[in-house]
Protein backbone atom coordinates (compact mmCIF):
# COMPACT_ATOMS: atom_id res chain seq x y z
CA UNK A 1 -46.48 -11.99 -30.97
CA UNK A 2 -45.24 -15.72 -31.45
CA UNK A 3 -41.48 -15.83 -31.68
CA UNK A 4 -41.72 -19.09 -33.71
CA UNK A 5 -44.84 -18.17 -35.73
CA UNK A 6 -44.83 -19.32 -39.27
CA UNK A 7 -47.10 -19.10 -42.45
CA UNK A 8 -48.52 -21.85 -44.73
CA UNK A 9 -46.87 -21.29 -48.08
CA UNK A 10 -44.08 -19.26 -46.97
CA UNK A 11 -42.34 -20.89 -44.07
CA UNK A 12 -44.32 -24.19 -43.98
CA UNK A 13 -45.51 -26.34 -46.87
CA UNK A 14 -49.23 -26.66 -47.45
CA UNK A 15 -50.32 -23.50 -48.61
CA UNK A 16 -52.30 -25.13 -51.61
CA UNK A 17 -53.34 -28.29 -50.05
CA UNK A 18 -57.05 -29.44 -50.21
CA UNK A 19 -56.95 -30.40 -46.65
CA UNK A 20 -54.83 -29.23 -43.84
CA UNK A 21 -54.88 -29.88 -39.97
CA UNK A 22 -54.61 -27.23 -37.40
CA UNK A 23 -55.50 -26.62 -33.80
CA UNK A 24 -59.17 -26.19 -32.97
CA UNK A 25 -58.59 -22.63 -31.33
CA UNK A 26 -56.96 -21.48 -34.43
CA UNK A 27 -60.29 -21.68 -36.35
CA UNK A 28 -62.83 -18.72 -36.53
CA UNK A 29 -66.17 -19.49 -37.84
CA UNK A 30 -67.57 -16.94 -40.55
CA UNK A 31 -71.19 -15.43 -40.80
CA UNK A 32 -73.34 -16.09 -43.66
CA UNK A 33 -72.57 -12.81 -45.02
CA UNK A 34 -68.82 -13.33 -45.78
CA UNK A 35 -68.26 -15.44 -48.67
CA UNK A 36 -65.59 -18.01 -49.28
CA UNK A 37 -64.16 -15.90 -51.88
CA UNK A 38 -63.65 -12.89 -49.91
CA UNK A 39 -62.81 -14.55 -46.43
CA UNK A 40 -59.02 -15.06 -47.52
CA UNK A 41 -58.57 -11.13 -47.44
CA UNK A 42 -59.46 -11.33 -43.65
CA UNK A 43 -55.97 -12.48 -43.18
CA UNK A 44 -54.30 -9.44 -44.87
CA UNK A 45 -57.00 -7.22 -42.96
CA UNK A 46 -55.77 -8.53 -39.48
CA UNK A 47 -52.15 -7.34 -40.08
CA UNK A 48 -53.61 -3.86 -41.27
CA UNK A 49 -55.87 -3.64 -38.03
CA UNK A 50 -52.93 -4.67 -35.78
CA UNK A 51 -50.73 -2.06 -37.35
CA UNK A 52 -53.44 0.55 -37.00
CA UNK A 53 -53.96 -0.44 -33.17
CA UNK A 54 -50.46 0.15 -32.78
CA UNK A 55 -50.58 3.57 -34.38
CA UNK A 56 -53.36 4.84 -32.13
CA UNK A 57 -55.55 6.49 -34.70
CA UNK A 58 -58.18 8.82 -33.20
CA UNK A 59 -61.38 10.41 -34.62
CA UNK A 60 -60.45 13.42 -36.72
CA UNK A 61 -56.70 12.18 -37.09
CA UNK A 62 -55.58 12.89 -40.65
CA UNK A 63 -54.28 9.86 -42.48
CA UNK A 64 -52.07 9.52 -45.65
CA UNK A 65 -51.81 6.09 -47.18
CA UNK A 66 -49.03 5.82 -49.87
CA UNK A 67 -49.67 2.79 -52.03
CA UNK A 68 -53.21 1.41 -52.68
CA UNK A 69 -52.93 -2.33 -53.26
CA UNK A 70 -54.97 -4.53 -51.04
CA UNK A 71 -53.15 -3.51 -47.88
CA UNK A 72 -53.41 0.14 -48.76
CA UNK A 73 -57.03 0.00 -49.49
CA UNK A 74 -57.76 -1.92 -46.24
CA UNK A 75 -55.91 0.90 -44.47
CA UNK A 76 -58.10 3.40 -46.13
CA UNK A 77 -61.25 1.54 -44.93
CA UNK A 78 -59.99 0.90 -41.44
CA UNK A 79 -58.99 4.37 -40.85
CA UNK A 80 -62.33 5.59 -41.90
CA UNK A 81 -64.00 3.21 -39.55
CA UNK A 82 -61.94 4.61 -36.63
CA UNK A 83 -63.14 8.27 -37.64
CA UNK A 84 -60.10 9.66 -39.40
CA UNK A 85 -60.46 12.78 -41.43
CA UNK A 86 -59.14 13.46 -44.10
CA UNK A 87 -57.97 10.10 -45.34
CA UNK A 88 -55.82 10.59 -48.53
CA UNK A 89 -54.74 7.79 -50.79
CA UNK A 90 -51.70 8.19 -53.16
CA UNK A 91 -51.07 6.04 -56.12
CA UNK A 92 -50.02 6.38 -59.54
CA UNK A 93 -52.83 3.96 -60.78
CA UNK A 94 -56.15 5.90 -61.69
CA UNK A 95 -58.12 2.71 -61.33
CA UNK A 96 -56.97 2.27 -57.82
CA UNK A 97 -57.42 5.81 -56.85
CA UNK A 98 -61.20 5.66 -58.10
CA UNK A 99 -61.67 2.25 -55.94
CA UNK A 100 -60.11 3.87 -52.89
CA UNK A 101 -62.72 6.79 -53.21
CA UNK A 102 -65.44 4.37 -53.66
CA UNK A 103 -64.23 2.61 -50.44
CA UNK A 104 -64.17 5.81 -48.28
CA UNK A 105 -61.07 7.77 -49.11
CA UNK A 106 -61.67 11.43 -48.75
CA UNK A 107 -59.15 12.65 -51.47
CA UNK A 108 -56.72 10.80 -53.75
CA UNK A 109 -53.74 11.85 -55.67
CA UNK A 110 -51.22 10.56 -58.04
CA UNK A 111 -47.48 11.07 -56.89
CA UNK A 112 -46.84 13.82 -59.35
CA UNK A 113 -49.86 15.99 -58.34
CA UNK A 114 -47.76 18.22 -55.98
CA UNK A 115 -48.67 15.83 -53.18
CA UNK A 116 -46.67 17.78 -50.45
CA UNK A 117 -48.86 20.91 -51.20
CA UNK A 118 -52.04 19.41 -51.30
CA UNK A 119 -51.61 17.58 -47.94
CA UNK A 120 -50.68 20.62 -46.38
CA UNK A 121 -53.61 22.46 -47.67
CA UNK A 122 -55.79 19.63 -46.38
CA UNK A 123 -54.32 19.57 -42.91
CA UNK A 124 -54.42 23.28 -42.01
CA UNK A 125 -50.78 23.60 -43.14
CA UNK A 126 -49.19 21.14 -40.71
CA UNK A 127 -49.07 17.79 -42.40
CA UNK A 128 -50.51 14.35 -41.61
CA UNK A 129 -50.97 13.00 -38.31
CA UNK A 130 -50.27 9.44 -39.50
CA UNK A 131 -48.69 8.25 -42.58
CA UNK A 132 -48.78 4.82 -43.65
CA UNK A 133 -46.06 3.54 -46.09
CA UNK A 134 -47.70 0.57 -47.99
CA UNK A 135 -45.34 0.31 -50.98
CA UNK A 136 -42.08 -0.99 -49.42
CA UNK A 137 -39.73 1.42 -51.74
CA UNK A 138 -37.20 3.79 -50.07
CA UNK A 139 -38.05 6.76 -52.30
CA UNK A 140 -41.84 6.20 -50.94
CA UNK A 141 -40.63 6.15 -47.52
CA UNK A 142 -38.81 9.50 -48.03
CA UNK A 143 -42.12 11.23 -49.23
CA UNK A 144 -43.80 9.70 -46.11
CA UNK A 145 -41.50 11.45 -43.96
CA UNK A 146 -41.96 14.60 -45.76
CA UNK A 147 -45.68 14.28 -45.63
CA UNK A 148 -45.88 13.78 -41.68
CA UNK A 149 -46.38 16.62 -39.36
CA UNK A 150 -44.05 17.62 -36.67
CA UNK A 151 -44.64 15.01 -33.74
CA UNK A 152 -46.59 12.73 -36.13
CA UNK A 153 -46.40 9.12 -36.96
CA UNK A 154 -45.03 6.98 -39.50
CA UNK A 155 -46.29 3.51 -40.10
CA UNK A 156 -43.95 0.98 -42.08
CA UNK A 157 -46.36 -1.42 -43.61
CA UNK A 158 -44.67 -2.03 -46.96
CA UNK A 159 -42.00 -4.98 -47.08
CA UNK A 160 -38.52 -3.90 -47.91
CA UNK A 161 -36.69 -6.67 -49.68
CA UNK A 162 -33.44 -4.76 -49.61
CA UNK A 163 -31.27 -5.20 -46.40
CA UNK A 164 -29.58 -1.70 -46.85
CA UNK A 165 -31.35 1.65 -47.03
CA UNK A 166 -29.97 5.04 -48.17
CA UNK A 167 -32.14 7.37 -46.32
CA UNK A 168 -31.82 11.01 -45.01
CA UNK A 169 -32.55 10.80 -41.19
CA UNK A 170 -32.64 14.52 -40.52
CA UNK A 171 -36.30 15.00 -41.13
CA UNK A 172 -37.09 12.07 -39.16
CA UNK A 173 -35.08 13.64 -36.24
CA UNK A 174 -36.10 17.16 -36.69
CA UNK A 175 -39.89 16.08 -36.85
CA UNK A 176 -39.76 13.87 -33.84
CA UNK A 177 -41.61 11.22 -35.79
CA UNK A 178 -42.83 8.21 -34.17
CA UNK A 179 -41.81 5.33 -36.20
CA UNK A 180 -44.06 2.02 -35.93
CA UNK A 181 -43.49 -1.21 -37.75
CA UNK A 182 -45.97 -4.09 -37.92
CA UNK A 183 -45.53 -7.34 -39.67
CA UNK A 184 -48.14 -9.91 -38.48
CA UNK A 185 -51.45 -9.90 -36.45
CA UNK A 186 -52.59 -11.31 -32.80
CA UNK A 187 -55.33 -13.67 -32.35
CA UNK A 188 -57.93 -11.19 -31.11
CA UNK A 189 -57.50 -9.27 -34.43
CA UNK A 190 -59.48 -12.12 -36.34
CA UNK A 191 -62.68 -11.87 -34.53
CA UNK A 192 -62.58 -8.05 -34.44
CA UNK A 193 -61.89 -8.04 -38.62
CA UNK A 194 -64.78 -10.71 -39.10
CA UNK A 195 -67.08 -8.22 -37.06
CA UNK A 196 -66.01 -5.19 -39.08
CA UNK A 197 -66.67 -7.03 -42.37
CA UNK A 198 -70.03 -8.57 -41.30
CA UNK A 199 -71.23 -5.24 -40.12
CA UNK A 200 -70.52 -3.55 -43.53
CA UNK A 201 -67.64 -1.22 -41.99
CA UNK A 202 -64.88 -2.67 -44.42
CA UNK A 203 -65.87 -4.15 -47.70
CA UNK A 204 -63.76 -6.96 -49.24
CA UNK A 205 -65.32 -7.94 -52.49
CA UNK A 206 -64.43 -4.69 -54.43
CA UNK A 207 -60.67 -5.80 -53.94
CA UNK A 208 -61.16 -9.21 -55.46
CA UNK A 209 -60.36 -8.79 -59.05
CA UNK A 210 -60.04 -12.37 -60.11
CA UNK A 211 -61.46 -15.77 -58.86
CA UNK A 212 -59.83 -18.80 -60.72
CA UNK A 213 -60.54 -22.51 -60.43
CA UNK A 214 -58.04 -24.42 -58.42
CA UNK A 215 -56.80 -26.40 -61.49
CA UNK A 216 -55.58 -22.77 -62.84
CA UNK A 217 -53.20 -22.40 -59.86
CA UNK A 218 -50.22 -21.93 -62.33
CA UNK A 219 -51.81 -19.13 -64.11
CA UNK A 220 -52.94 -17.49 -60.93
CA UNK A 221 -49.10 -17.35 -59.60
CA UNK A 222 -48.09 -16.12 -63.01
CA UNK A 223 -50.54 -13.17 -62.82
CA UNK A 224 -49.18 -12.26 -59.36
CA UNK A 225 -45.94 -11.40 -61.14
CA UNK A 226 -47.38 -9.55 -63.67
CA UNK A 227 -47.53 -5.42 -63.58
CA UNK A 228 -51.02 -4.82 -64.07
CA UNK A 229 -52.97 -2.17 -62.25
CA UNK A 230 -56.32 -3.87 -62.69
CA UNK A 231 -55.21 -7.07 -60.76
CA UNK A 232 -55.96 -6.83 -57.13
CA UNK A 233 -56.37 -10.06 -55.20
CA UNK A 234 -56.43 -13.35 -56.93
CA UNK A 235 -58.57 -15.92 -55.41
CA UNK A 236 -58.55 -19.72 -56.20
CA UNK A 237 -62.00 -21.37 -55.84
CA UNK A 238 -61.67 -24.88 -54.13
CA UNK A 239 -65.35 -25.56 -54.82
């Protein structure tokens, strides 16, 4: 991981420029079967792949994904590509549960569906080998700890905006959970993700809900702040 790494549009200006200059070795060519309107999701996918590589998912591992936004849906697909079973998605949104199942989730539930009991039933009474917290909320993190098996793993993928957390740590201690944090990606994750998408192991297009012309940039940014479960990835078309 680069200690001085920065992201355009967050740490550096230039996220919406028509042209930009960068090092040649930071450019990855795309095959013809990855379109310009789906390619931006590769950046998000690299962070998911990096996180799962740190988590050591093995075939047959049970995985629970809490939160089925773009990151959560990518985690579902990557876990399936690694042979995990069952892969269980949790979200309040019926639309996102349906999409998760279309993308490979074996089971999906709403948070009020007695999730603890259902996960135990689907994992022979022990809990999940890996729980991925992809929301960034303390209440969801507490549920993630509850769903993991003794000796299991907890992947913190959501971004916590608060600098202080009130969290009961006894379950974390009692279960001997391995807590994994991931925030970015490595260079080798980019060609790996391109290959996974090109082979059809991961689908990006179903997660693109809106494609807007570049002159509607302000509308696109407004949409990102709106609470709308039908909105997934908003893409600006430069053509």
